[in-house]
Amino acid sequence: MIETVPSMKKITSIKLILNYLKLIRSLLIPTLALIFLNETSTNDIWHLLWTAYPFIVIFLFLLVFLKWFTYRYGYDDRAFYIHSGVFTKNKQVIPFNRVQNIQRKRTILHKLSRKTQIVFSTAAVTDEDL
């Protein structure tokens, strides 16, 4: 039996903004440490790290964008489908009859854009169930 996948939708750009904010927050302490240590240290390793750091940051921002760009979802009357991945492609199928709990999460940005984040909790699957 060939399973037809519904038309896949792109995730909202609010998620991209939230992921960029998380990345900036996680880079704050390393950036401040590099600035402080670069000014107080005479060791060449800090200068090398300071030179490489902008390239690392650009790569991380590009990776966040590519993850957002390649993430797709869709659903039909039987299941929820997720396609994602930058370097390795992942395809997930979540049958609705396996869903045990659905959680919604709404931040201020979600409320402003009338969006919500949904988390599915599913039952365990054994080989006998397939």
N, C-alpha and C. Protein backbone atom coordinates (compact mmCIF):
# COMPACT_ATOMS: atom_id res chain seq x y z
N MET A 1 0.83 -1.18 0.00
CA MET A 1 0.00 0.00 0.00
C MET A 1 0.88 1.25 0.00
N ILE A 2 0.70 2.09 -0.99
CA ILE A 2 1.46 3.33 -1.09
C ILE A 2 0.69 4.42 -0.35
N GLU A 3 1.40 5.06 0.55
CA GLU A 3 0.77 6.07 1.39
C GLU A 3 0.93 7.44 0.74
N THR A 4 -0.15 8.14 0.55
CA THR A 4 -0.08 9.48 -0.04
C THR A 4 0.13 10.50 1.06
N VAL A 5 1.08 11.38 0.82
CA VAL A 5 1.38 12.43 1.79
C VAL A 5 0.63 13.68 1.36
N PRO A 6 -0.05 14.34 2.29
CA PRO A 6 -0.76 15.57 1.92
C PRO A 6 0.22 16.68 1.55
N SER A 7 -0.31 17.74 1.00
CA SER A 7 0.57 18.86 0.64
C SER A 7 1.26 19.38 1.90
N MET A 8 2.56 19.50 1.82
CA MET A 8 3.36 19.89 2.97
C MET A 8 3.42 21.41 3.07
N LYS A 9 3.32 21.90 4.30
CA LYS A 9 3.35 23.34 4.56
C LYS A 9 4.65 23.70 5.24
N LYS A 10 5.07 24.93 5.03
CA LYS A 10 6.27 25.45 5.67
C LYS A 10 5.89 26.00 7.04
N ILE A 11 6.80 25.86 7.98
CA ILE A 11 6.54 26.37 9.33
C ILE A 11 6.62 27.91 9.30
N THR A 12 5.95 28.55 10.22
CA THR A 12 5.85 30.01 10.23
C THR A 12 7.20 30.68 10.47
N SER A 13 7.34 31.89 9.97
CA SER A 13 8.60 32.63 10.14
C SER A 13 8.81 33.08 11.58
N ILE A 14 7.77 33.06 12.39
CA ILE A 14 7.93 33.38 13.82
C ILE A 14 8.89 32.38 14.46
N LYS A 15 8.83 31.12 14.04
CA LYS A 15 9.73 30.10 14.57
C LYS A 15 11.18 30.42 14.22
N LEU A 16 11.41 30.96 13.02
CA LEU A 16 12.76 31.37 12.64
C LEU A 16 13.25 32.48 13.55
N ILE A 17 12.40 33.45 13.83
CA ILE A 17 12.78 34.56 14.71
C ILE A 17 13.07 34.04 16.12
N LEU A 18 12.23 33.14 16.62
CA LEU A 18 12.46 32.57 17.95
C LEU A 18 13.77 31.80 18.00
N ASN A 19 14.08 31.04 16.96
CA ASN A 19 15.34 30.28 16.93
C ASN A 19 16.54 31.21 16.86
N TYR A 20 16.42 32.32 16.11
CA TYR A 20 17.51 33.30 16.09
C TYR A 20 17.71 33.95 17.45
N LEU A 21 16.62 34.24 18.15
CA LEU A 21 16.74 34.81 19.49
C LEU A 21 17.41 33.83 20.46
N LYS A 22 17.06 32.55 20.35
CA LYS A 22 17.73 31.53 21.19
C LYS A 22 19.21 31.45 20.88
N LEU A 23 19.57 31.53 19.59
CA LEU A 23 20.97 31.47 19.20
C LEU A 23 21.73 32.67 19.73
N ILE A 24 21.15 33.85 19.61
CA ILE A 24 21.81 35.06 20.11
C ILE A 24 22.01 34.97 21.62
N ARG A 25 20.98 34.47 22.33
CA ARG A 25 21.10 34.32 23.78
C ARG A 25 22.20 33.32 24.15
N SER A 26 22.31 32.24 23.39
CA SER A 26 23.34 31.24 23.71
C SER A 26 24.74 31.71 23.32
N LEU A 27 24.86 32.66 22.40
CA LEU A 27 26.17 33.17 21.99
C LEU A 27 26.63 34.37 22.81
N LEU A 28 25.78 34.87 23.69
CA LEU A 28 26.10 36.08 24.44
C LEU A 28 27.31 35.89 25.36
N ILE A 29 27.32 34.87 26.16
CA ILE A 29 28.43 34.64 27.10
C ILE A 29 29.73 34.32 26.37
N PRO A 30 29.74 33.41 25.36
CA PRO A 30 31.01 33.19 24.64
C PRO A 30 31.54 34.46 23.97
N THR A 31 30.65 35.30 23.45
CA THR A 31 31.09 36.53 22.81
C THR A 31 31.73 37.47 23.83
N LEU A 32 31.09 37.63 24.97
CA LEU A 32 31.66 38.50 26.01
C LEU A 32 32.98 37.94 26.53
N ALA A 33 33.05 36.62 26.67
CA ALA A 33 34.30 36.01 27.13
C ALA A 33 35.42 36.23 26.12
N LEU A 34 35.12 36.08 24.85
CA LEU A 34 36.16 36.31 23.84
C LEU A 34 36.60 37.76 23.80
N ILE A 35 35.67 38.68 23.96
CA ILE A 35 36.05 40.10 23.97
C ILE A 35 36.95 40.39 25.17
N PHE A 36 36.56 39.90 26.35
CA PHE A 36 37.35 40.17 27.56
C PHE A 36 38.71 39.48 27.50
N LEU A 37 38.73 38.21 27.11
CA LEU A 37 39.99 37.46 27.09
C LEU A 37 40.91 37.93 25.97
N ASN A 38 40.37 38.40 24.88
CA ASN A 38 41.20 38.88 23.78
C ASN A 38 41.94 40.15 24.18
N GLU A 39 41.29 41.01 24.97
CA GLU A 39 41.94 42.25 25.38
C GLU A 39 42.95 42.04 26.50
N THR A 40 42.76 41.03 27.33
CA THR A 40 43.66 40.84 28.47
C THR A 40 44.74 39.79 28.22
N SER A 41 44.62 39.01 27.16
CA SER A 41 45.56 37.92 26.94
C SER A 41 46.55 38.27 25.83
N THR A 42 47.77 37.76 26.00
CA THR A 42 48.78 37.91 24.96
C THR A 42 48.98 36.59 24.22
N ASN A 43 48.21 35.58 24.57
CA ASN A 43 48.30 34.27 23.94
C ASN A 43 47.71 34.33 22.53
N ASP A 44 48.38 33.67 21.59
CA ASP A 44 47.92 33.70 20.20
C ASP A 44 46.64 32.89 19.98
N ILE A 45 46.35 31.93 20.84
CA ILE A 45 45.15 31.11 20.66
C ILE A 45 43.88 31.95 20.75
N TRP A 46 43.87 32.96 21.62
CA TRP A 46 42.69 33.83 21.74
C TRP A 46 42.51 34.68 20.49
N HIS A 47 43.60 35.12 19.91
CA HIS A 47 43.51 35.89 18.68
C HIS A 47 43.01 35.02 17.53
N LEU A 48 43.44 33.75 17.51
CA LEU A 48 42.96 32.82 16.50
C LEU A 48 41.46 32.55 16.68
N LEU A 49 41.04 32.34 17.92
CA LEU A 49 39.61 32.14 18.19
C LEU A 49 38.80 33.38 17.81
N TRP A 50 39.33 34.56 18.11
CA TRP A 50 38.62 35.79 17.78
C TRP A 50 38.50 35.94 16.26
N THR A 51 39.51 35.50 15.51
CA THR A 51 39.45 35.56 14.06
C THR A 51 38.44 34.56 13.50
N ALA A 52 38.36 33.37 14.07
CA ALA A 52 37.47 32.33 13.57
C ALA A 52 36.03 32.51 14.05
N TYR A 53 35.84 33.22 15.13
CA TYR A 53 34.52 33.34 15.75
C TYR A 53 33.44 33.91 14.81
N PRO A 54 33.70 34.96 14.05
CA PRO A 54 32.65 35.45 13.14
C PRO A 54 32.20 34.40 12.12
N PHE A 55 33.14 33.58 11.64
CA PHE A 55 32.78 32.53 10.68
C PHE A 55 31.91 31.47 11.34
N ILE A 56 32.21 31.16 12.59
CA ILE A 56 31.40 30.19 13.33
C ILE A 56 29.99 30.73 13.54
N VAL A 57 29.88 32.00 13.89
CA VAL A 57 28.57 32.62 14.12
C VAL A 57 27.77 32.65 12.82
N ILE A 58 28.40 33.02 11.72
CA ILE A 58 27.71 33.04 10.43
C ILE A 58 27.23 31.64 10.06
N PHE A 59 28.07 30.62 10.28
CA PHE A 59 27.68 29.24 10.01
C PHE A 59 26.48 28.84 10.86
N LEU A 60 26.46 29.21 12.14
CA LEU A 60 25.34 28.86 13.01
C LEU A 60 24.05 29.55 12.58
N PHE A 61 24.14 30.83 12.18
CA PHE A 61 22.96 31.53 11.69
C PHE A 61 22.44 30.90 10.40
N LEU A 62 23.35 30.51 9.52
CA LEU A 62 22.96 29.84 8.29
C LEU A 62 22.32 28.48 8.57
N LEU A 63 22.86 27.75 9.53
CA LEU A 63 22.31 26.45 9.89
C LEU A 63 20.90 26.58 10.47
N VAL A 64 20.66 27.59 11.30
CA VAL A 64 19.32 27.83 11.84
C VAL A 64 18.35 28.13 10.70
N PHE A 65 18.78 28.93 9.73
CA PHE A 65 17.92 29.24 8.59
C PHE A 65 17.63 27.99 7.77
N LEU A 66 18.64 27.18 7.50
CA LEU A 66 18.44 25.97 6.71
C LEU A 66 17.52 24.97 7.40
N LYS A 67 17.63 24.86 8.73
CA LYS A 67 16.72 23.98 9.47
C LYS A 67 15.29 24.46 9.34
N TRP A 68 15.08 25.77 9.45
CA TRP A 68 13.74 26.33 9.30
C TRP A 68 13.23 26.13 7.87
N PHE A 69 14.10 26.35 6.90
CA PHE A 69 13.71 26.28 5.49
C PHE A 69 13.34 24.86 5.06
N THR A 70 13.98 23.85 5.63
CA THR A 70 13.73 22.47 5.22
C THR A 70 12.66 21.78 6.05
N TYR A 71 12.14 22.41 7.08
CA TYR A 71 11.12 21.81 7.94
C TYR A 71 9.75 21.98 7.29
N ARG A 72 9.08 20.87 7.06
CA ARG A 72 7.74 20.87 6.45
C ARG A 72 6.82 19.98 7.27
N TYR A 73 5.52 20.29 7.26
CA TYR A 73 4.55 19.47 7.95
C TYR A 73 3.28 19.40 7.12
N GLY A 74 2.51 18.38 7.39
CA GLY A 74 1.22 18.20 6.74
C GLY A 74 0.39 17.22 7.53
N TYR A 75 -0.88 17.15 7.22
CA TYR A 75 -1.75 16.21 7.92
C TYR A 75 -2.93 15.85 7.02
N ASP A 76 -3.49 14.70 7.32
CA ASP A 76 -4.73 14.28 6.69
C ASP A 76 -5.62 13.74 7.79
N ASP A 77 -6.63 12.98 7.44
CA ASP A 77 -7.56 12.50 8.47
C ASP A 77 -7.00 11.36 9.30
N ARG A 78 -5.84 10.79 8.94
CA ARG A 78 -5.27 9.67 9.68
C ARG A 78 -4.00 9.99 10.46
N ALA A 79 -3.18 10.93 9.96
CA ALA A 79 -1.86 11.12 10.57
C ALA A 79 -1.34 12.54 10.35
N PHE A 80 -0.29 12.84 11.11
CA PHE A 80 0.44 14.10 11.00
C PHE A 80 1.82 13.75 10.45
N TYR A 81 2.30 14.49 9.45
CA TYR A 81 3.56 14.18 8.77
C TYR A 81 4.54 15.32 8.98
N ILE A 82 5.80 14.95 9.26
CA ILE A 82 6.86 15.94 9.45
C ILE A 82 8.05 15.52 8.59
N HIS A 83 8.51 16.44 7.76
CA HIS A 83 9.72 16.23 6.97
C HIS A 83 10.71 17.31 7.38
N SER A 84 11.92 16.90 7.76
CA SER A 84 12.91 17.87 8.21
C SER A 84 14.31 17.36 7.89
N GLY A 85 15.27 18.21 8.12
CA GLY A 85 16.66 17.81 7.98
C GLY A 85 17.41 18.64 6.98
N VAL A 86 18.64 19.00 7.34
CA VAL A 86 19.51 19.75 6.45
C VAL A 86 20.47 18.78 5.76
N PHE A 87 21.22 18.03 6.54
CA PHE A 87 22.20 17.11 5.98
C PHE A 87 21.64 15.69 5.84
N THR A 88 20.79 15.30 6.76
CA THR A 88 20.10 14.01 6.66
C THR A 88 18.61 14.29 6.71
N LYS A 89 17.88 13.70 5.80
CA LYS A 89 16.44 13.95 5.70
C LYS A 89 15.70 12.99 6.63
N ASN A 90 14.81 13.54 7.44
CA ASN A 90 13.99 12.76 8.37
C ASN A 90 12.53 12.89 7.96
N LYS A 91 11.84 11.77 7.97
CA LYS A 91 10.41 11.78 7.71
C LYS A 91 9.72 11.07 8.86
N GLN A 92 8.80 11.77 9.50
CA GLN A 92 8.07 11.21 10.62
C GLN A 92 6.59 11.16 10.28
N VAL A 93 5.95 10.08 10.68
CA VAL A 93 4.51 9.95 10.54
C VAL A 93 3.96 9.69 11.94
N ILE A 94 3.03 10.53 12.38
CA ILE A 94 2.43 10.38 13.70
C ILE A 94 0.96 10.05 13.49
N PRO A 95 0.59 8.76 13.59
CA PRO A 95 -0.83 8.40 13.44
C PRO A 95 -1.65 8.98 14.60
N PHE A 96 -2.81 9.49 14.27
CA PHE A 96 -3.64 10.11 15.30
C PHE A 96 -4.12 9.10 16.34
N ASN A 97 -4.24 7.83 15.96
CA ASN A 97 -4.68 6.84 16.94
C ASN A 97 -3.60 6.51 17.96
N ARG A 98 -2.36 6.96 17.75
CA ARG A 98 -1.26 6.75 18.71
C ARG A 98 -1.07 7.94 19.65
N VAL A 99 -1.73 9.04 19.36
CA VAL A 99 -1.55 10.25 20.17
C VAL A 99 -2.28 10.08 21.50
N GLN A 100 -1.53 10.27 22.59
CA GLN A 100 -2.11 10.16 23.93
C GLN A 100 -2.42 11.53 24.53
N ASN A 101 -1.60 12.51 24.19
CA ASN A 101 -1.76 13.82 24.79
C ASN A 101 -1.32 14.89 23.78
N ILE A 102 -1.99 16.02 23.78
CA ILE A 102 -1.62 17.15 22.94
C ILE A 102 -1.44 18.36 23.85
N GLN A 103 -0.27 18.99 23.76
CA GLN A 103 0.01 20.18 24.56
C GLN A 103 0.17 21.38 23.63
N ARG A 104 -0.36 22.51 24.05
CA ARG A 104 -0.21 23.75 23.31
C ARG A 104 0.68 24.71 24.09
N LYS A 105 1.54 25.42 23.37
CA LYS A 105 2.40 26.41 24.00
C LYS A 105 2.29 27.70 23.19
N ARG A 106 2.02 28.81 23.88
CA ARG A 106 1.88 30.09 23.20
C ARG A 106 2.70 31.16 23.92
N THR A 107 3.69 31.70 23.22
CA THR A 107 4.45 32.81 23.75
C THR A 107 3.79 34.11 23.29
N ILE A 108 4.36 35.23 23.67
CA ILE A 108 3.81 36.52 23.26
C ILE A 108 3.85 36.66 21.74
N LEU A 109 4.96 36.22 21.13
CA LEU A 109 5.04 36.29 19.67
C LEU A 109 4.01 35.39 19.00
N HIS A 110 3.75 34.23 19.60
CA HIS A 110 2.72 33.35 19.07
C HIS A 110 1.35 34.03 19.13
N LYS A 111 1.06 34.68 20.23
CA LYS A 111 -0.24 35.33 20.39
C LYS A 111 -0.40 36.49 19.41
N LEU A 112 0.67 37.26 19.20
CA LEU A 112 0.60 38.38 18.27
C LEU A 112 0.36 37.92 16.84
N SER A 113 0.91 36.76 16.49
CA SER A 113 0.75 36.26 15.12
C SER A 113 -0.38 35.24 14.99
N ARG A 114 -1.11 35.01 16.09
CA ARG A 114 -2.22 34.05 16.12
C ARG A 114 -1.78 32.65 15.73
N LYS A 115 -0.65 32.23 16.27
CA LYS A 115 -0.10 30.89 16.05
C LYS A 115 0.02 30.19 17.40
N THR A 116 0.25 28.88 17.35
CA THR A 116 0.48 28.11 18.57
C THR A 116 1.44 26.98 18.26
N GLN A 117 2.15 26.53 19.27
CA GLN A 117 3.05 25.38 19.14
C GLN A 117 2.33 24.17 19.72
N ILE A 118 2.35 23.07 18.96
CA ILE A 118 1.67 21.85 19.39
C ILE A 118 2.70 20.75 19.61
N VAL A 119 2.58 20.06 20.74
CA VAL A 119 3.46 18.93 21.06
C VAL A 119 2.59 17.69 21.22
N PHE A 120 2.88 16.67 20.41
CA PHE A 120 2.15 15.40 20.48
C PHE A 120 2.90 14.43 21.38
N SER A 121 2.21 13.80 22.32
CA SER A 121 2.77 12.68 23.09
C SER A 121 2.12 11.42 22.55
N THR A 122 2.97 10.48 22.13
CA THR A 122 2.43 9.28 21.48
C THR A 122 2.68 8.04 22.32
N ALA A 123 1.92 7.00 21.99
CA ALA A 123 2.10 5.71 22.64
C ALA A 123 3.33 5.02 22.05
N ALA A 124 3.91 4.12 22.83
CA ALA A 124 5.05 3.35 22.34
C ALA A 124 4.59 2.37 21.29
N VAL A 125 5.44 2.14 20.31
CA VAL A 125 5.13 1.22 19.23
C VAL A 125 6.07 0.03 19.31
N THR A 126 5.51 -1.18 19.25
CA THR A 126 6.31 -2.40 19.20
C THR A 126 6.21 -2.99 17.80
N ASP A 127 7.03 -3.99 17.52
CA ASP A 127 6.99 -4.64 16.22
C ASP A 127 5.66 -5.34 16.00
N GLU A 128 5.03 -5.81 17.06
CA GLU A 128 3.75 -6.50 16.93
C GLU A 128 2.64 -5.55 16.51
N ASP A 129 2.77 -4.24 16.86
CA ASP A 129 1.76 -3.27 16.52
C ASP A 129 1.78 -2.92 15.03
N LEU A 130 2.92 -3.10 14.40
CA LEU A 130 3.05 -2.70 12.99
C LEU A 130 2.42 -3.67 12.08
